[in-house]
């Protein structure tokens, strides 16, 4: 599958504008499609194509819960193709709850893919976030925010509800914190699951997971802190590799 054009290990062309243009076809809108819903497509988050071009990485926390017996609603994505948004069906392949990642499979044709960086992005690396901030209200337009990797820190992801407290989740909590990227960039609701791109190479160095808020959840819109967290690309690459086994 096609990736980002590079010359001598760096992104060829005009830097960030070229990176945005080349990455845009790989970044998709993640949601659900319901025959009885209005609108039928419900926006949830951002995702991006990897692997075969029919696989999409996003956050596990945005995947809707299973609804046994319900056949009128399913996962879906919107892809930018030929100057318009196209609906594709999607299904969950694998989840990594510890790292808040999910791997989806979508209908064809295959999308251009983004490549994972093989090493850890050091502090100070220039990065760009691409996604659909506040997509439910503002519509679907690829939006890019610029920043740097400001720190690597330890964090633990708690279970979202009692159903998430399975033996594996409890074991992971006992294992303690894992490393996560702190970014000096603004991410809003809707950016979750989007790629964190190294501006110099065009490679994915992380997956947006969330950010800190002041007080209530609404403050993420009215008073963003500018502090965003991202799961390292190595975790997403491992999830993709597990699916190939």
Protein backbone atom coordinates (compact mmCIF):
# COMPACT_ATOMS: atom_id res chain seq x y z
CA UNK A 1 0.00 0.00 0.00
CA UNK A 2 1.08 3.56 -0.64
CA UNK A 3 2.70 5.46 2.18
CA UNK A 4 4.10 8.95 2.53
CA UNK A 5 6.75 9.93 0.01
CA UNK A 6 10.21 10.26 1.52
CA UNK A 7 13.64 11.26 0.33
CA UNK A 8 16.65 10.22 2.37
CA UNK A 9 14.42 9.26 5.33
CA UNK A 10 12.69 12.65 5.49
CA UNK A 11 9.41 13.86 4.08
CA UNK A 12 9.93 15.04 0.52
CA UNK A 13 8.54 18.37 -0.72
CA UNK A 14 7.21 21.35 1.20
CA UNK A 15 7.21 20.18 4.81
CA UNK A 16 4.00 20.42 6.81
CA UNK A 17 1.65 21.42 3.92
CA UNK A 18 2.81 18.40 1.94
CA UNK A 19 2.52 16.13 4.98
CA UNK A 20 -1.07 17.25 5.53
CA UNK A 21 -1.99 16.69 1.87
CA UNK A 22 -0.46 13.22 1.82
CA UNK A 23 -1.79 12.06 5.18
CA UNK A 24 -5.37 13.30 4.67
CA UNK A 25 -6.64 10.31 2.58
CA UNK A 26 -5.49 7.91 5.33
CA UNK A 27 -7.33 9.65 8.20
CA UNK A 28 -10.96 8.56 8.57
CA UNK A 29 -14.08 9.42 10.56
CA UNK A 30 -15.01 6.60 12.98
CA UNK A 31 -18.62 6.12 14.02
CA UNK A 32 -21.69 3.92 13.85
CA UNK A 33 -24.44 3.45 11.28
CA UNK A 34 -27.98 2.84 12.50
CA UNK A 35 -31.02 2.25 10.33
CA UNK A 36 -33.25 3.75 13.02
CA UNK A 37 -30.86 6.56 13.97
CA UNK A 38 -31.19 10.19 12.90
CA UNK A 39 -28.75 10.98 11.46
CA UNK A 40 -27.97 7.43 10.45
CA UNK A 41 -24.21 7.94 10.83
CA UNK A 42 -23.15 8.82 14.36
CA UNK A 43 -19.74 10.45 14.75
CA UNK A 44 -17.49 9.07 17.50
CA UNK A 45 -13.79 9.77 16.81
CA UNK A 46 -10.86 9.72 14.42
CA UNK A 47 -8.93 6.76 12.99
CA UNK A 48 -6.27 6.12 10.39
CA UNK A 49 -5.47 3.40 7.86
CA UNK A 50 -2.56 1.03 8.46
CA UNK A 51 -1.34 -2.39 7.34
CA UNK A 52 -3.22 -3.57 4.25
CA UNK A 53 -5.13 -0.31 3.85
CA UNK A 54 -8.28 -2.08 5.05
CA UNK A 55 -7.25 -1.87 8.72
CA UNK A 56 -7.87 1.19 10.88
CA UNK A 57 -6.37 2.15 14.25
CA UNK A 58 -8.48 4.15 16.71
CA UNK A 59 -9.06 4.33 20.49
CA UNK A 60 -10.74 1.45 22.31
CA UNK A 61 -12.84 3.85 24.39
CA UNK A 62 -14.68 5.13 21.29
CA UNK A 63 -15.80 1.66 20.13
CA UNK A 64 -19.52 1.34 20.96
CA UNK A 65 -20.47 -1.39 23.43
CA UNK A 66 -21.85 -4.68 22.15
CA UNK A 67 -25.63 -4.79 21.85
CA UNK A 68 -26.55 -8.48 21.64
CA UNK A 69 -29.40 -9.18 19.26
CA UNK A 70 -29.34 -5.74 17.67
CA UNK A 71 -28.82 -5.88 13.88
CA UNK A 72 -29.92 -2.36 12.88
CA UNK A 73 -26.71 -0.64 14.09
CA UNK A 74 -23.10 -1.41 13.24
CA UNK A 75 -19.67 0.23 13.20
CA UNK A 76 -18.79 2.32 10.18
CA UNK A 77 -16.26 4.83 8.90
CA UNK A 78 -16.35 7.73 6.49
CA UNK A 79 -13.39 8.00 4.09
CA UNK A 80 -12.42 10.96 1.90
CA UNK A 81 -12.45 9.76 -1.69
CA UNK A 82 -12.77 11.62 -5.00
CA UNK A 83 -13.63 14.87 -3.27
CA UNK A 84 -16.44 13.47 -1.13
CA UNK A 85 -17.10 11.41 2.00
CA UNK A 86 -17.87 7.73 1.40
CA UNK A 87 -19.45 5.40 3.95
CA UNK A 88 -17.69 2.09 4.62
CA UNK A 89 -18.78 -0.68 6.96
CA UNK A 90 -16.35 -1.64 9.73
CA UNK A 91 -15.91 -4.35 12.32
CA UNK A 92 -13.75 -4.72 15.40
CA UNK A 93 -10.76 -7.04 14.97
CA UNK A 94 -8.83 -6.60 18.21
CA UNK A 95 -8.64 -4.34 21.27
CA UNK A 96 -5.80 -3.41 23.60
CA UNK A 97 -7.59 -1.99 26.65
CA UNK A 98 -4.38 -1.28 28.54
CA UNK A 99 -3.24 1.11 25.82
CA UNK A 100 -6.77 2.20 24.83
CA UNK A 101 -6.36 1.02 21.24
CA UNK A 102 -8.64 -0.77 18.79
CA UNK A 103 -7.98 -2.29 15.38
CA UNK A 104 -10.86 -2.22 12.88
CA UNK A 105 -11.33 -3.82 9.49
CA UNK A 106 -13.19 -1.85 6.80
CA UNK A 107 -14.63 -2.62 3.39
CA UNK A 108 -12.51 -1.96 0.31
CA UNK A 109 -11.01 -0.53 -1.75
CA UNK A 110 -7.82 -0.15 0.28
CA UNK A 111 -6.78 3.28 1.55
CA UNK A 112 -3.27 4.77 1.50
CA UNK A 113 -1.63 3.81 4.78
CA UNK A 114 0.39 5.66 7.37
CA UNK A 115 3.62 4.04 8.55
CA UNK A 116 4.64 3.59 12.17
CA UNK A 117 7.96 4.97 13.37
CA UNK A 118 10.32 2.24 14.48
CA UNK A 119 11.81 4.24 17.34
CA UNK A 120 10.56 6.37 20.20
CA UNK A 121 10.08 10.09 19.43
CA UNK A 122 12.40 12.01 21.76
CA UNK A 123 11.24 15.03 23.73
CA UNK A 124 11.27 18.10 21.54
CA UNK A 125 10.22 16.25 18.37
CA UNK A 126 7.99 18.44 16.17
CA UNK A 127 4.63 16.74 15.69
CA UNK A 128 1.27 17.32 14.02
CA UNK A 129 -2.13 15.98 15.11
CA UNK A 130 -4.73 15.28 12.43
CA UNK A 131 -8.37 14.53 13.14
CA UNK A 132 -11.92 15.80 13.48
CA UNK A 133 -12.19 17.99 16.60
CA UNK A 134 -15.79 18.53 17.73
CA UNK A 135 -16.81 16.69 14.58
CA UNK A 136 -20.41 16.18 15.66
CA UNK A 137 -20.97 19.94 15.78
CA UNK A 138 -18.52 21.33 13.24
CA UNK A 139 -18.75 18.62 10.60
CA UNK A 140 -16.04 16.49 9.10
CA UNK A 141 -13.06 18.45 7.96
CA UNK A 142 -9.48 17.29 8.46
CA UNK A 143 -7.96 19.63 11.05
CA UNK A 144 -4.25 19.69 11.91
CA UNK A 145 -2.67 21.03 15.11
CA UNK A 146 1.07 21.55 15.52
CA UNK A 147 3.16 20.96 18.66
CA UNK A 148 6.05 19.03 20.16
CA UNK A 149 6.59 15.95 22.30
CA UNK A 150 6.94 17.73 25.62
CA UNK A 151 7.45 14.73 27.93
CA UNK A 152 7.16 10.99 28.43
CA UNK A 153 5.21 10.13 31.57
CA UNK A 154 3.61 7.20 33.39
CA UNK A 155 -0.13 6.63 33.40
CA UNK A 156 -2.66 3.88 34.12
CA UNK A 157 -5.99 3.55 32.27
CA UNK A 158 -8.85 2.66 34.64
CA UNK A 159 -11.76 0.52 33.51
CA UNK A 160 -14.67 2.57 32.15
CA UNK A 161 -17.24 0.41 33.97
CA UNK A 162 -17.57 -2.78 36.00
CA UNK A 163 -17.68 -4.85 32.82
CA UNK A 164 -14.15 -3.70 32.08
CA UNK A 165 -12.83 -5.17 35.32
CA UNK A 166 -12.03 -8.55 33.81
CA UNK A 167 -9.04 -10.62 35.01
CA UNK A 168 -6.80 -9.18 32.32
CA UNK A 169 -7.68 -5.58 33.23
CA UNK A 170 -7.10 -6.24 36.93
CA UNK A 171 -3.73 -7.82 36.15
CA UNK A 172 -2.74 -4.78 34.07
CA UNK A 173 -3.67 -2.41 36.88
CA UNK A 174 -1.49 -4.44 39.25
CA UNK A 175 1.40 -4.17 36.80
CA UNK A 176 1.26 -0.42 37.27
CA UNK A 177 1.83 2.52 34.97
CA UNK A 178 2.92 2.44 31.37
CA UNK A 179 4.67 5.17 29.40
CA UNK A 180 2.65 7.66 27.41
CA UNK A 181 3.51 10.75 25.38
CA UNK A 182 2.60 14.21 26.65
CA UNK A 183 2.19 16.70 23.81
CA UNK A 184 2.27 20.48 23.78
CA UNK A 185 -0.70 20.66 21.39
CA UNK A 186 -4.45 21.13 21.69
CA UNK A 187 -6.73 18.13 21.11
CA UNK A 188 -10.50 18.40 21.41
CA UNK A 189 -13.24 15.78 21.72
CA UNK A 190 -13.25 14.03 18.36
CA UNK A 191 -9.45 14.00 18.01
CA UNK A 192 -9.28 10.70 19.93
CA UNK A 193 -7.79 7.92 17.82
CA UNK A 194 -6.06 10.26 15.41
CA UNK A 195 -2.42 9.96 14.36
CA UNK A 196 0.45 11.92 15.88
CA UNK A 197 2.81 12.52 12.97
CA UNK A 198 6.51 13.32 13.06
CA UNK A 199 6.70 16.48 10.93
CA UNK A 200 10.18 15.60 9.66
CA UNK A 201 9.55 12.01 8.56
CA UNK A 202 5.77 11.78 8.14
CA UNK A 203 5.70 8.66 10.31
CA UNK A 204 3.17 7.96 13.05
CA UNK A 205 4.83 8.32 16.46
CA UNK A 206 1.64 8.10 18.55
CA UNK A 207 -2.15 7.84 18.72
CA UNK A 208 -4.13 10.64 20.40
CA UNK A 209 -5.77 9.32 23.57
CA UNK A 210 -7.11 12.43 25.32
CA UNK A 211 -6.09 15.48 27.28
CA UNK A 212 -6.31 17.18 30.62
CA UNK A 213 -9.35 19.36 31.36
CA UNK A 214 -10.10 22.14 33.84
CA UNK A 215 -13.10 21.10 35.92
CA UNK A 216 -15.96 19.78 33.79
CA UNK A 217 -15.79 17.99 30.45
CA UNK A 218 -17.24 21.09 28.75
CA UNK A 219 -14.10 22.98 29.74
CA UNK A 220 -12.22 21.01 27.09
CA UNK A 221 -13.95 23.30 24.58
CA UNK A 222 -14.15 26.60 26.45
CA UNK A 223 -10.78 26.50 28.22
CA UNK A 224 -8.46 23.86 26.70
CA UNK A 225 -5.29 23.23 28.65
CA UNK A 226 -3.14 22.59 25.59
CA UNK A 227 -1.89 19.35 27.18
CA UNK A 228 -2.67 16.21 25.18
CA UNK A 229 -1.70 12.58 25.77
CA UNK A 230 -0.93 10.01 23.11
CA UNK A 231 -0.23 6.29 23.17
CA UNK A 232 3.18 5.50 21.60
CA UNK A 233 3.18 4.09 18.08
CA UNK A 234 4.92 0.95 19.27
CA UNK A 235 1.73 -0.15 21.06
CA UNK A 236 -0.37 0.35 17.91
CA UNK A 237 2.23 -1.46 15.81
CA UNK A 238 2.13 -4.39 18.25
CA UNK A 239 -1.67 -4.55 18.01
CA UNK A 240 -1.43 -4.66 14.22
CA UNK A 241 1.29 -7.32 14.38
CA UNK A 242 -0.86 -9.46 16.70
CA UNK A 243 -3.61 -9.49 14.07
CA UNK A 244 -1.21 -10.98 11.51
CA UNK A 245 -0.35 -13.99 13.68
